[in-house]
Amino acid sequence: MNWPIINKVLNYLLVLLVLGYVVYYFYKQPKYDSGEMANDFTATLLDGQTFKLSELRGKYVLLDFWGSWCGPCRRENPELVALYSETRDTNYKSAGGFEIVSVAIETKKESWQKAIQSDGLTWRYQVGEFERFKSPIATLYGVKEIPTKYFISPEGRILLVNPKLSEVKSYLAENIEN
């Protein structure tokens, strides 16, 4: 056997594998970063009403991209429900409250509606996008995997990208009006 040639081929394959992983990692990253303004969008809510993200200016907003078919998303929903229950009626410094805007990356409306009911997602701002990752809002925010979250300030600026819910809770707790 010609071991030097086999060794070179294996080294090249290893380099290609590492480069592929690095490219894939950066491809999956959300489009925006902390400090940037959150892009506005118009969407139809579960109840059929139209709303714009900018209507929530003056409040903290957690923009949550999820799916009924996403195991990690569904496992996180009880924690999201608890966060909303604990914080929705709280007064914050320089903010008129806290809202969650859930954007479901789906193909079937029925699956989305069933998951909302099953998981007890009680907040008003439920948006269904039925073209999966090619949907307008997912494309606008560069969402290529779920769950993806953006925590947005009352001024519409992105505070945190993909925060843990404990980080959102801590941030809100630090900003409670006394």
N, C-alpha and C. Protein backbone atom coordinates (compact mmCIF):
# COMPACT_ATOMS: atom_id res chain seq x y z
N MET A 1 0.83 -1.19 0.00
CA MET A 1 0.00 0.00 0.00
C MET A 1 0.87 1.25 0.00
N ASN A 2 0.35 2.28 -0.62
CA ASN A 2 1.05 3.55 -0.68
C ASN A 2 0.50 4.47 0.42
N TRP A 3 1.04 4.31 1.64
CA TRP A 3 0.55 5.02 2.82
C TRP A 3 0.67 6.53 2.71
N PRO A 4 1.73 7.11 2.15
CA PRO A 4 1.79 8.58 2.06
C PRO A 4 0.64 9.17 1.25
N ILE A 5 0.23 8.52 0.17
CA ILE A 5 -0.87 9.04 -0.65
C ILE A 5 -2.20 8.91 0.12
N ILE A 6 -2.41 7.77 0.76
CA ILE A 6 -3.63 7.57 1.55
C ILE A 6 -3.70 8.60 2.68
N ASN A 7 -2.58 8.85 3.31
CA ASN A 7 -2.51 9.84 4.40
C ASN A 7 -2.87 11.24 3.89
N LYS A 8 -2.35 11.62 2.72
CA LYS A 8 -2.67 12.93 2.14
C LYS A 8 -4.15 13.03 1.81
N VAL A 9 -4.72 11.98 1.22
CA VAL A 9 -6.14 11.98 0.87
C VAL A 9 -6.99 12.13 2.13
N LEU A 10 -6.65 11.41 3.16
CA LEU A 10 -7.40 11.51 4.42
C LEU A 10 -7.28 12.91 5.03
N ASN A 11 -6.11 13.50 4.95
CA ASN A 11 -5.93 14.87 5.46
C ASN A 11 -6.78 15.86 4.68
N TYR A 12 -6.82 15.73 3.35
CA TYR A 12 -7.66 16.61 2.53
C TYR A 12 -9.14 16.44 2.87
N LEU A 13 -9.55 15.20 3.06
CA LEU A 13 -10.95 14.93 3.44
C LEU A 13 -11.29 15.56 4.79
N LEU A 14 -10.36 15.47 5.72
CA LEU A 14 -10.58 16.06 7.04
C LEU A 14 -10.70 17.57 6.94
N VAL A 15 -9.85 18.20 6.16
CA VAL A 15 -9.92 19.65 5.97
C VAL A 15 -11.24 20.04 5.31
N LEU A 16 -11.67 19.30 4.29
CA LEU A 16 -12.95 19.58 3.63
C LEU A 16 -14.12 19.42 4.60
N LEU A 17 -14.06 18.41 5.44
CA LEU A 17 -15.11 18.18 6.42
C LEU A 17 -15.19 19.35 7.41
N VAL A 18 -14.07 19.80 7.91
CA VAL A 18 -14.04 20.92 8.85
C VAL A 18 -14.53 22.19 8.16
N LEU A 19 -14.07 22.46 6.95
CA LEU A 19 -14.54 23.65 6.22
C LEU A 19 -16.04 23.59 5.96
N GLY A 20 -16.54 22.42 5.60
CA GLY A 20 -17.98 22.26 5.39
C GLY A 20 -18.77 22.55 6.65
N TYR A 21 -18.28 22.08 7.78
CA TYR A 21 -18.95 22.34 9.05
C TYR A 21 -18.96 23.83 9.37
N VAL A 22 -17.84 24.51 9.17
CA VAL A 22 -17.74 25.95 9.45
C VAL A 22 -18.72 26.73 8.56
N VAL A 23 -18.76 26.40 7.28
CA VAL A 23 -19.68 27.08 6.35
C VAL A 23 -21.12 26.82 6.78
N TYR A 24 -21.45 25.58 7.12
CA TYR A 24 -22.79 25.23 7.57
C TYR A 24 -23.16 25.99 8.84
N TYR A 25 -22.24 26.09 9.79
CA TYR A 25 -22.48 26.81 11.04
C TYR A 25 -22.85 28.26 10.77
N PHE A 26 -22.08 28.94 9.94
CA PHE A 26 -22.36 30.35 9.64
C PHE A 26 -23.62 30.51 8.80
N TYR A 27 -23.93 29.55 7.96
CA TYR A 27 -25.15 29.59 7.17
C TYR A 27 -26.38 29.56 8.08
N LYS A 28 -26.33 28.80 9.15
CA LYS A 28 -27.47 28.63 10.06
C LYS A 28 -27.66 29.81 11.02
N GLN A 29 -26.70 30.70 11.11
CA GLN A 29 -26.81 31.82 12.05
C GLN A 29 -27.93 32.77 11.64
N PRO A 30 -28.65 33.33 12.64
CA PRO A 30 -29.68 34.33 12.32
C PRO A 30 -29.10 35.53 11.58
N LYS A 31 -29.95 36.20 10.83
CA LYS A 31 -29.52 37.29 9.96
C LYS A 31 -29.10 38.53 10.73
N TYR A 32 -29.72 38.78 11.87
CA TYR A 32 -29.47 40.03 12.60
C TYR A 32 -28.74 39.76 13.90
N ASP A 33 -28.16 40.82 14.43
CA ASP A 33 -27.38 40.72 15.66
C ASP A 33 -27.88 41.73 16.67
N SER A 34 -27.47 41.58 17.89
CA SER A 34 -27.84 42.53 18.94
C SER A 34 -27.46 43.94 18.54
N GLY A 35 -28.34 44.89 18.84
CA GLY A 35 -28.08 46.29 18.54
C GLY A 35 -28.72 46.77 17.26
N GLU A 36 -29.06 45.85 16.37
CA GLU A 36 -29.70 46.23 15.11
C GLU A 36 -31.19 46.44 15.33
N MET A 37 -31.79 47.25 14.46
CA MET A 37 -33.23 47.46 14.51
C MET A 37 -33.94 46.21 13.96
N ALA A 38 -35.01 45.82 14.62
CA ALA A 38 -35.80 44.69 14.16
C ALA A 38 -36.63 45.15 12.96
N ASN A 39 -36.61 44.38 11.90
CA ASN A 39 -37.40 44.70 10.72
C ASN A 39 -38.89 44.55 11.01
N ASP A 40 -39.66 45.51 10.53
CA ASP A 40 -41.10 45.46 10.71
C ASP A 40 -41.70 44.50 9.69
N PHE A 41 -42.83 43.93 10.03
CA PHE A 41 -43.57 43.09 9.11
C PHE A 41 -45.05 43.17 9.44
N THR A 42 -45.86 42.83 8.47
CA THR A 42 -47.31 42.74 8.65
C THR A 42 -47.68 41.27 8.52
N ALA A 43 -48.56 40.80 9.40
CA ALA A 43 -48.95 39.39 9.38
C ALA A 43 -50.40 39.24 9.79
N THR A 44 -50.95 38.10 9.47
CA THR A 44 -52.31 37.76 9.89
C THR A 44 -52.21 36.84 11.10
N LEU A 45 -52.94 37.22 12.15
CA LEU A 45 -52.93 36.45 13.39
C LEU A 45 -53.89 35.27 13.31
N LEU A 46 -53.79 34.39 14.28
CA LEU A 46 -54.65 33.22 14.36
C LEU A 46 -56.13 33.58 14.30
N ASP A 47 -56.49 34.72 14.92
CA ASP A 47 -57.91 35.14 14.93
C ASP A 47 -58.33 35.85 13.64
N GLY A 48 -57.42 35.95 12.66
CA GLY A 48 -57.75 36.55 11.37
C GLY A 48 -57.44 38.03 11.27
N GLN A 49 -57.08 38.67 12.39
CA GLN A 49 -56.76 40.09 12.35
C GLN A 49 -55.34 40.30 11.84
N THR A 50 -55.15 41.46 11.23
CA THR A 50 -53.83 41.83 10.72
C THR A 50 -53.12 42.67 11.78
N PHE A 51 -51.82 42.48 11.89
CA PHE A 51 -51.04 43.27 12.83
C PHE A 51 -49.66 43.51 12.26
N LYS A 52 -49.03 44.60 12.75
CA LYS A 52 -47.65 44.92 12.38
C LYS A 52 -46.80 44.82 13.64
N LEU A 53 -45.60 44.32 13.50
CA LEU A 53 -44.70 44.21 14.64
C LEU A 53 -44.49 45.58 15.29
N SER A 54 -44.43 46.62 14.48
CA SER A 54 -44.18 47.97 15.00
C SER A 54 -45.31 48.45 15.92
N GLU A 55 -46.49 47.83 15.87
CA GLU A 55 -47.58 48.18 16.78
C GLU A 55 -47.22 47.86 18.23
N LEU A 56 -46.22 47.02 18.43
CA LEU A 56 -45.82 46.64 19.78
C LEU A 56 -44.67 47.50 20.31
N ARG A 57 -44.30 48.54 19.56
CA ARG A 57 -43.28 49.46 20.07
C ARG A 57 -43.75 49.99 21.41
N GLY A 58 -42.82 50.17 22.31
CA GLY A 58 -43.16 50.60 23.66
C GLY A 58 -43.23 49.43 24.63
N LYS A 59 -43.12 48.19 24.09
CA LYS A 59 -43.12 46.99 24.91
C LYS A 59 -41.88 46.16 24.59
N TYR A 60 -41.47 45.33 25.53
CA TYR A 60 -40.49 44.31 25.22
C TYR A 60 -41.20 43.23 24.43
N VAL A 61 -40.52 42.69 23.42
CA VAL A 61 -41.13 41.66 22.57
C VAL A 61 -40.14 40.50 22.41
N LEU A 62 -40.65 39.30 22.59
CA LEU A 62 -39.88 38.11 22.25
C LEU A 62 -40.47 37.57 20.95
N LEU A 63 -39.70 37.66 19.89
CA LEU A 63 -40.09 37.14 18.58
C LEU A 63 -39.58 35.71 18.50
N ASP A 64 -40.51 34.77 18.52
CA ASP A 64 -40.19 33.35 18.65
C ASP A 64 -40.59 32.60 17.40
N PHE A 65 -39.60 32.07 16.67
CA PHE A 65 -39.85 31.23 15.51
C PHE A 65 -39.83 29.77 15.98
N TRP A 66 -40.91 29.05 15.70
CA TRP A 66 -41.06 27.69 16.19
C TRP A 66 -41.88 26.87 15.20
N GLY A 67 -42.13 25.62 15.52
CA GLY A 67 -42.98 24.79 14.67
C GLY A 67 -43.62 23.67 15.47
N SER A 68 -44.80 23.27 15.07
CA SER A 68 -45.51 22.18 15.75
C SER A 68 -44.75 20.86 15.61
N TRP A 69 -43.95 20.73 14.58
CA TRP A 69 -43.19 19.53 14.26
C TRP A 69 -41.80 19.52 14.90
N CYS A 70 -41.45 20.60 15.60
CA CYS A 70 -40.09 20.78 16.16
C CYS A 70 -40.07 20.32 17.62
N GLY A 71 -39.41 19.20 17.88
CA GLY A 71 -39.31 18.66 19.24
C GLY A 71 -38.75 19.65 20.25
N PRO A 72 -37.59 20.28 19.98
CA PRO A 72 -37.04 21.24 20.94
C PRO A 72 -37.99 22.42 21.20
N CYS A 73 -38.70 22.86 20.16
CA CYS A 73 -39.65 23.97 20.33
C CYS A 73 -40.77 23.56 21.27
N ARG A 74 -41.32 22.39 21.04
CA ARG A 74 -42.45 21.92 21.85
C ARG A 74 -42.03 21.66 23.29
N ARG A 75 -40.81 21.17 23.49
CA ARG A 75 -40.33 20.95 24.86
C ARG A 75 -40.12 22.27 25.59
N GLU A 76 -39.82 23.34 24.85
CA GLU A 76 -39.58 24.65 25.44
C GLU A 76 -40.88 25.40 25.73
N ASN A 77 -41.98 25.03 25.07
CA ASN A 77 -43.23 25.76 25.21
C ASN A 77 -43.75 25.90 26.64
N PRO A 78 -43.67 24.87 27.50
CA PRO A 78 -44.13 25.08 28.88
C PRO A 78 -43.36 26.21 29.60
N GLU A 79 -42.06 26.30 29.35
CA GLU A 79 -41.25 27.37 29.94
C GLU A 79 -41.66 28.73 29.37
N LEU A 80 -41.98 28.76 28.08
CA LEU A 80 -42.43 29.99 27.43
C LEU A 80 -43.78 30.43 28.00
N VAL A 81 -44.68 29.48 28.21
CA VAL A 81 -45.99 29.77 28.80
C VAL A 81 -45.80 30.33 30.21
N ALA A 82 -44.92 29.73 30.99
CA ALA A 82 -44.66 30.20 32.36
C ALA A 82 -44.08 31.62 32.34
N LEU A 83 -43.15 31.88 31.43
CA LEU A 83 -42.56 33.22 31.32
C LEU A 83 -43.64 34.25 31.01
N TYR A 84 -44.49 33.94 30.07
CA TYR A 84 -45.56 34.87 29.69
C TYR A 84 -46.52 35.10 30.86
N SER A 85 -46.90 34.04 31.54
CA SER A 85 -47.82 34.17 32.67
C SER A 85 -47.24 35.04 33.79
N GLU A 86 -45.94 34.89 34.03
CA GLU A 86 -45.28 35.64 35.11
C GLU A 86 -45.04 37.10 34.75
N THR A 87 -44.93 37.42 33.47
CA THR A 87 -44.45 38.76 33.09
C THR A 87 -45.45 39.63 32.35
N ARG A 88 -46.54 39.07 31.87
CA ARG A 88 -47.42 39.82 30.97
C ARG A 88 -48.06 41.05 31.60
N ASP A 89 -48.32 41.05 32.90
CA ASP A 89 -48.97 42.18 33.55
C ASP A 89 -48.01 43.05 34.36
N THR A 90 -46.73 42.88 34.13
CA THR A 90 -45.71 43.62 34.89
C THR A 90 -45.41 44.95 34.22
N ASN A 91 -45.17 45.97 35.02
CA ASN A 91 -44.74 47.28 34.50
C ASN A 91 -43.22 47.34 34.54
N TYR A 92 -42.67 47.81 33.44
CA TYR A 92 -41.21 47.89 33.31
C TYR A 92 -40.78 49.33 33.13
N LYS A 93 -39.52 49.58 33.50
CA LYS A 93 -38.93 50.90 33.25
C LYS A 93 -38.93 51.12 31.74
N SER A 94 -39.43 52.22 31.31
CA SER A 94 -39.44 52.62 29.89
C SER A 94 -40.11 51.61 28.95
N ALA A 95 -41.02 50.80 29.49
CA ALA A 95 -41.74 49.84 28.63
C ALA A 95 -43.15 49.63 29.17
N GLY A 96 -44.07 49.49 28.27
CA GLY A 96 -45.46 49.29 28.64
C GLY A 96 -45.86 47.84 28.74
N GLY A 97 -44.91 46.94 28.94
CA GLY A 97 -45.23 45.53 29.11
C GLY A 97 -44.33 44.62 28.30
N PHE A 98 -44.76 43.38 28.22
CA PHE A 98 -44.00 42.33 27.53
C PHE A 98 -44.97 41.52 26.70
N GLU A 99 -44.61 41.23 25.46
CA GLU A 99 -45.43 40.40 24.58
C GLU A 99 -44.56 39.36 23.89
N ILE A 100 -45.19 38.25 23.54
CA ILE A 100 -44.54 37.22 22.73
C ILE A 100 -45.24 37.22 21.37
N VAL A 101 -44.44 37.21 20.33
CA VAL A 101 -44.96 37.04 18.97
C VAL A 101 -44.40 35.71 18.47
N SER A 102 -45.28 34.75 18.32
CA SER A 102 -44.88 33.42 17.85
C SER A 102 -45.11 33.32 16.36
N VAL A 103 -44.07 32.99 15.64
CA VAL A 103 -44.16 32.79 14.19
C VAL A 103 -43.91 31.31 13.93
N ALA A 104 -44.96 30.62 13.53
CA ALA A 104 -44.87 29.18 13.31
C ALA A 104 -44.41 28.90 11.88
N ILE A 105 -43.37 28.11 11.77
CA ILE A 105 -42.83 27.68 10.48
C ILE A 105 -43.49 26.32 10.19
N GLU A 106 -44.49 26.33 9.34
CA GLU A 106 -45.38 25.18 9.17
C GLU A 106 -45.66 24.87 7.70
N THR A 107 -46.35 23.76 7.51
CA THR A 107 -46.95 23.45 6.21
C THR A 107 -48.45 23.24 6.36
N LYS A 108 -48.92 22.88 7.55
CA LYS A 108 -50.34 22.59 7.77
C LYS A 108 -50.92 23.46 8.87
N LYS A 109 -51.94 24.20 8.54
CA LYS A 109 -52.60 25.08 9.50
C LYS A 109 -53.18 24.28 10.67
N GLU A 110 -53.72 23.12 10.40
CA GLU A 110 -54.35 22.30 11.44
C GLU A 110 -53.33 21.88 12.49
N SER A 111 -52.13 21.50 12.08
CA SER A 111 -51.09 21.09 13.02
C SER A 111 -50.69 22.25 13.93
N TRP A 112 -50.58 23.42 13.34
CA TRP A 112 -50.23 24.63 14.07
C TRP A 112 -51.31 24.95 15.12
N GLN A 113 -52.56 24.95 14.71
CA GLN A 113 -53.66 25.27 15.63
C GLN A 113 -53.75 24.25 16.76
N LYS A 114 -53.57 22.99 16.43
CA LYS A 114 -53.62 21.93 17.44
C LYS A 114 -52.48 22.10 18.46
N ALA A 115 -51.28 22.45 17.99
CA ALA A 115 -50.14 22.63 18.89
C ALA A 115 -50.35 23.83 19.82
N ILE A 116 -50.92 24.90 19.30
CA ILE A 116 -51.20 26.08 20.13
C ILE A 116 -52.14 25.70 21.27
N GLN A 117 -53.18 24.99 20.94
CA GLN A 117 -54.15 24.59 21.95
C GLN A 117 -53.54 23.57 22.92
N SER A 118 -52.87 22.57 22.39
CA SER A 118 -52.28 21.52 23.21
C SER A 118 -51.24 22.05 24.19
N ASP A 119 -50.44 23.03 23.73
CA ASP A 119 -49.35 23.57 24.56
C ASP A 119 -49.78 24.76 25.40
N GLY A 120 -51.02 25.23 25.25
CA GLY A 120 -51.53 26.32 26.07
C GLY A 120 -50.90 27.67 25.77
N LEU A 121 -50.63 27.92 24.49
CA LEU A 121 -50.03 29.20 24.09
C LEU A 121 -51.13 30.25 24.05
N THR A 122 -51.25 31.04 25.11
CA THR A 122 -52.41 31.92 25.30
C THR A 122 -52.24 33.34 24.77
N TRP A 123 -51.03 33.70 24.36
CA TRP A 123 -50.83 35.07 23.91
C TRP A 123 -51.48 35.29 22.55
N ARG A 124 -51.85 36.52 22.31
CA ARG A 124 -52.62 36.91 21.12
C ARG A 124 -51.82 36.79 19.82
N TYR A 125 -50.55 37.09 19.87
CA TYR A 125 -49.76 37.25 18.65
C TYR A 125 -49.20 35.92 18.15
N GLN A 126 -50.08 35.17 17.50
CA GLN A 126 -49.76 33.88 16.90
C GLN A 126 -49.84 34.02 15.38
N VAL A 127 -48.72 33.84 14.72
CA VAL A 127 -48.65 33.97 13.26
C VAL A 127 -48.27 32.62 12.66
N GLY A 128 -49.01 32.20 11.66
CA GLY A 128 -48.69 30.95 10.97
C GLY A 128 -48.11 31.26 9.59
N GLU A 129 -46.94 30.70 9.33
CA GLU A 129 -46.27 30.83 8.03
C GLU A 129 -46.22 29.43 7.43
N PHE A 130 -46.84 29.23 6.28
CA PHE A 130 -47.04 27.88 5.76
C PHE A 130 -46.16 27.52 4.57
N GLU A 131 -45.03 28.19 4.47
CA GLU A 131 -44.06 27.85 3.43
C GLU A 131 -42.73 27.45 4.05
N ARG A 132 -42.82 27.00 5.29
CA ARG A 132 -41.64 26.66 6.09
C ARG A 132 -40.62 27.80 6.06
N PHE A 133 -39.37 27.48 5.77
CA PHE A 133 -38.32 28.49 5.87
C PHE A 133 -38.29 29.47 4.70
N LYS A 134 -39.13 29.25 3.70
CA LYS A 134 -39.21 30.17 2.57
C LYS A 134 -40.31 31.21 2.77
N SER A 135 -40.97 31.17 3.91
CA SER A 135 -42.06 32.11 4.18
C SER A 135 -41.49 33.53 4.34
N PRO A 136 -42.31 34.54 4.11
CA PRO A 136 -41.82 35.93 4.12
C PRO A 136 -41.14 36.37 5.41
N ILE A 137 -41.72 36.06 6.56
CA ILE A 137 -41.13 36.54 7.82
C ILE A 137 -39.86 35.77 8.15
N ALA A 138 -39.86 34.46 7.92
CA ALA A 138 -38.65 33.67 8.15
C ALA A 138 -37.52 34.16 7.24
N THR A 139 -37.84 34.48 6.00
CA THR A 139 -36.84 34.99 5.07
C THR A 139 -36.35 36.36 5.51
N LEU A 140 -37.26 37.22 5.93
CA LEU A 140 -36.90 38.57 6.40
C LEU A 140 -35.90 38.52 7.55
N TYR A 141 -36.08 37.55 8.46
CA TYR A 141 -35.21 37.43 9.62
C TYR A 141 -34.09 36.41 9.44
N GLY A 142 -34.00 35.83 8.26
CA GLY A 142 -32.91 34.89 7.98
C GLY A 142 -32.99 33.63 8.82
N VAL A 143 -34.19 33.18 9.14
CA VAL A 143 -34.37 31.99 9.97
C VAL A 143 -34.18 30.75 9.10
N LYS A 144 -33.22 29.93 9.50
CA LYS A 144 -32.92 28.71 8.76
C LYS A 144 -33.06 27.48 9.63
N GLU A 145 -33.29 27.70 10.93
CA GLU A 145 -33.55 26.60 11.85
C GLU A 145 -34.39 27.12 13.00
N ILE A 146 -35.10 26.20 13.63
CA ILE A 146 -35.91 26.59 14.78
C ILE A 146 -35.57 25.68 15.94
N PRO A 147 -35.74 26.16 17.17
CA PRO A 147 -36.23 27.48 17.52
C PRO A 147 -35.19 28.57 17.27
N THR A 148 -35.67 29.73 16.85
CA THR A 148 -34.86 30.94 16.74
C THR A 148 -35.65 32.04 17.43
N LYS A 149 -34.95 32.84 18.23
CA LYS A 149 -35.60 33.90 19.00
C LYS A 149 -34.84 35.21 18.89
N TYR A 150 -35.63 36.29 18.88
CA TYR A 150 -35.08 37.64 18.97
C TYR A 150 -35.81 38.34 20.12
N PHE A 151 -35.06 38.88 21.06
CA PHE A 151 -35.63 39.66 22.15
C PHE A 151 -35.44 41.13 21.78
N ILE A 152 -36.56 41.86 21.69
CA ILE A 152 -36.58 43.20 21.11
C ILE A 152 -36.94 44.23 22.17
N SER A 153 -36.25 45.37 22.14
CA SER A 153 -36.47 46.46 23.10
C SER A 153 -37.74 47.23 22.76
N PRO A 154 -38.22 48.06 23.70
CA PRO A 154 -39.39 48.90 23.42
C PRO A 154 -39.18 49.85 22.23
N GLU A 155 -37.94 50.15 21.91
CA GLU A 155 -37.63 51.03 20.78
C GLU A 155 -37.54 50.27 19.47
N GLY A 156 -37.64 48.95 19.52
CA GLY A 156 -37.57 48.14 18.31
C GLY A 156 -36.18 47.65 17.97
N ARG A 157 -35.26 47.75 18.92
CA ARG A 157 -33.88 47.31 18.70
C ARG A 157 -33.70 45.90 19.25
N ILE A 158 -32.97 45.07 18.54
CA ILE A 158 -32.71 43.70 18.99
C ILE A 158 -31.74 43.74 20.16
N LEU A 159 -32.20 43.21 21.30
CA LEU A 159 -31.37 43.16 22.50
C LEU A 159 -30.56 41.88 22.56
N LEU A 160 -31.22 40.74 22.29
CA LEU A 160 -30.58 39.44 22.38
C LEU A 160 -31.02 38.56 21.21
N VAL A 161 -30.10 37.77 20.69
CA VAL A 161 -30.40 36.83 19.62
C VAL A 161 -30.25 35.42 20.19
N ASN A 162 -31.29 34.63 20.01
CA ASN A 162 -31.35 33.26 20.53
C ASN A 162 -31.04 33.17 22.03
N PRO A 163 -31.68 34.03 22.82
CA PRO A 163 -31.43 33.95 24.26
C PRO A 163 -32.12 32.73 24.87
N LYS A 164 -31.57 32.27 25.97
CA LYS A 164 -32.29 31.28 26.78
C LYS A 164 -33.44 32.04 27.43
N LEU A 165 -34.53 31.35 27.71
CA LEU A 165 -35.66 32.02 28.32
C LEU A 165 -35.31 32.55 29.71
N SER A 166 -34.37 31.90 30.39
CA SER A 166 -33.91 32.41 31.69
C SER A 166 -33.22 33.76 31.54
N GLU A 167 -32.53 33.98 30.41
CA GLU A 167 -31.90 35.28 30.16
C GLU A 167 -32.95 36.37 29.94
N VAL A 168 -34.01 36.04 29.21
CA VAL A 168 -35.09 37.00 28.99
C VAL A 168 -35.74 37.34 30.32
N LYS A 169 -36.01 36.32 31.11
CA LYS A 169 -36.64 36.52 32.43
C LYS A 169 -35.76 37.40 33.32
N SER A 170 -34.46 37.15 33.33
CA SER A 170 -33.54 37.95 34.14
C SER A 170 -33.52 39.40 33.65
N TYR A 171 -33.48 39.59 32.35
CA TYR A 171 -33.46 40.93 31.78
C TYR A 171 -34.72 41.70 32.18
N LEU A 172 -35.86 41.04 32.06
CA LEU A 172 -37.11 41.68 32.43
C LEU A 172 -37.14 41.99 33.93
N ALA A 173 -36.66 41.05 34.76
CA ALA A 173 -36.65 41.26 36.21
C ALA A 173 -35.79 42.46 36.60
N GLU A 174 -34.69 42.67 35.89
CA GLU A 174 -33.81 43.81 36.17
C GLU A 174 -34.45 45.14 35.79
N ASN A 175 -35.48 45.09 34.94
CA ASN A 175 -36.10 46.33 34.43
C ASN A 175 -37.52 46.57 34.94
N ILE A 176 -37.88 45.88 36.02
CA ILE A 176 -39.20 46.10 36.61
C ILE A 176 -39.26 47.48 37.24
N GLU A 177 -40.37 48.13 37.01
CA GLU A 177 -40.57 49.48 37.56
C GLU A 177 -40.88 49.33 39.06
N ASN A 178 -40.21 50.12 39.87
CA ASN A 178 -40.43 50.05 41.33
C ASN A 178 -41.53 50.96 41.77
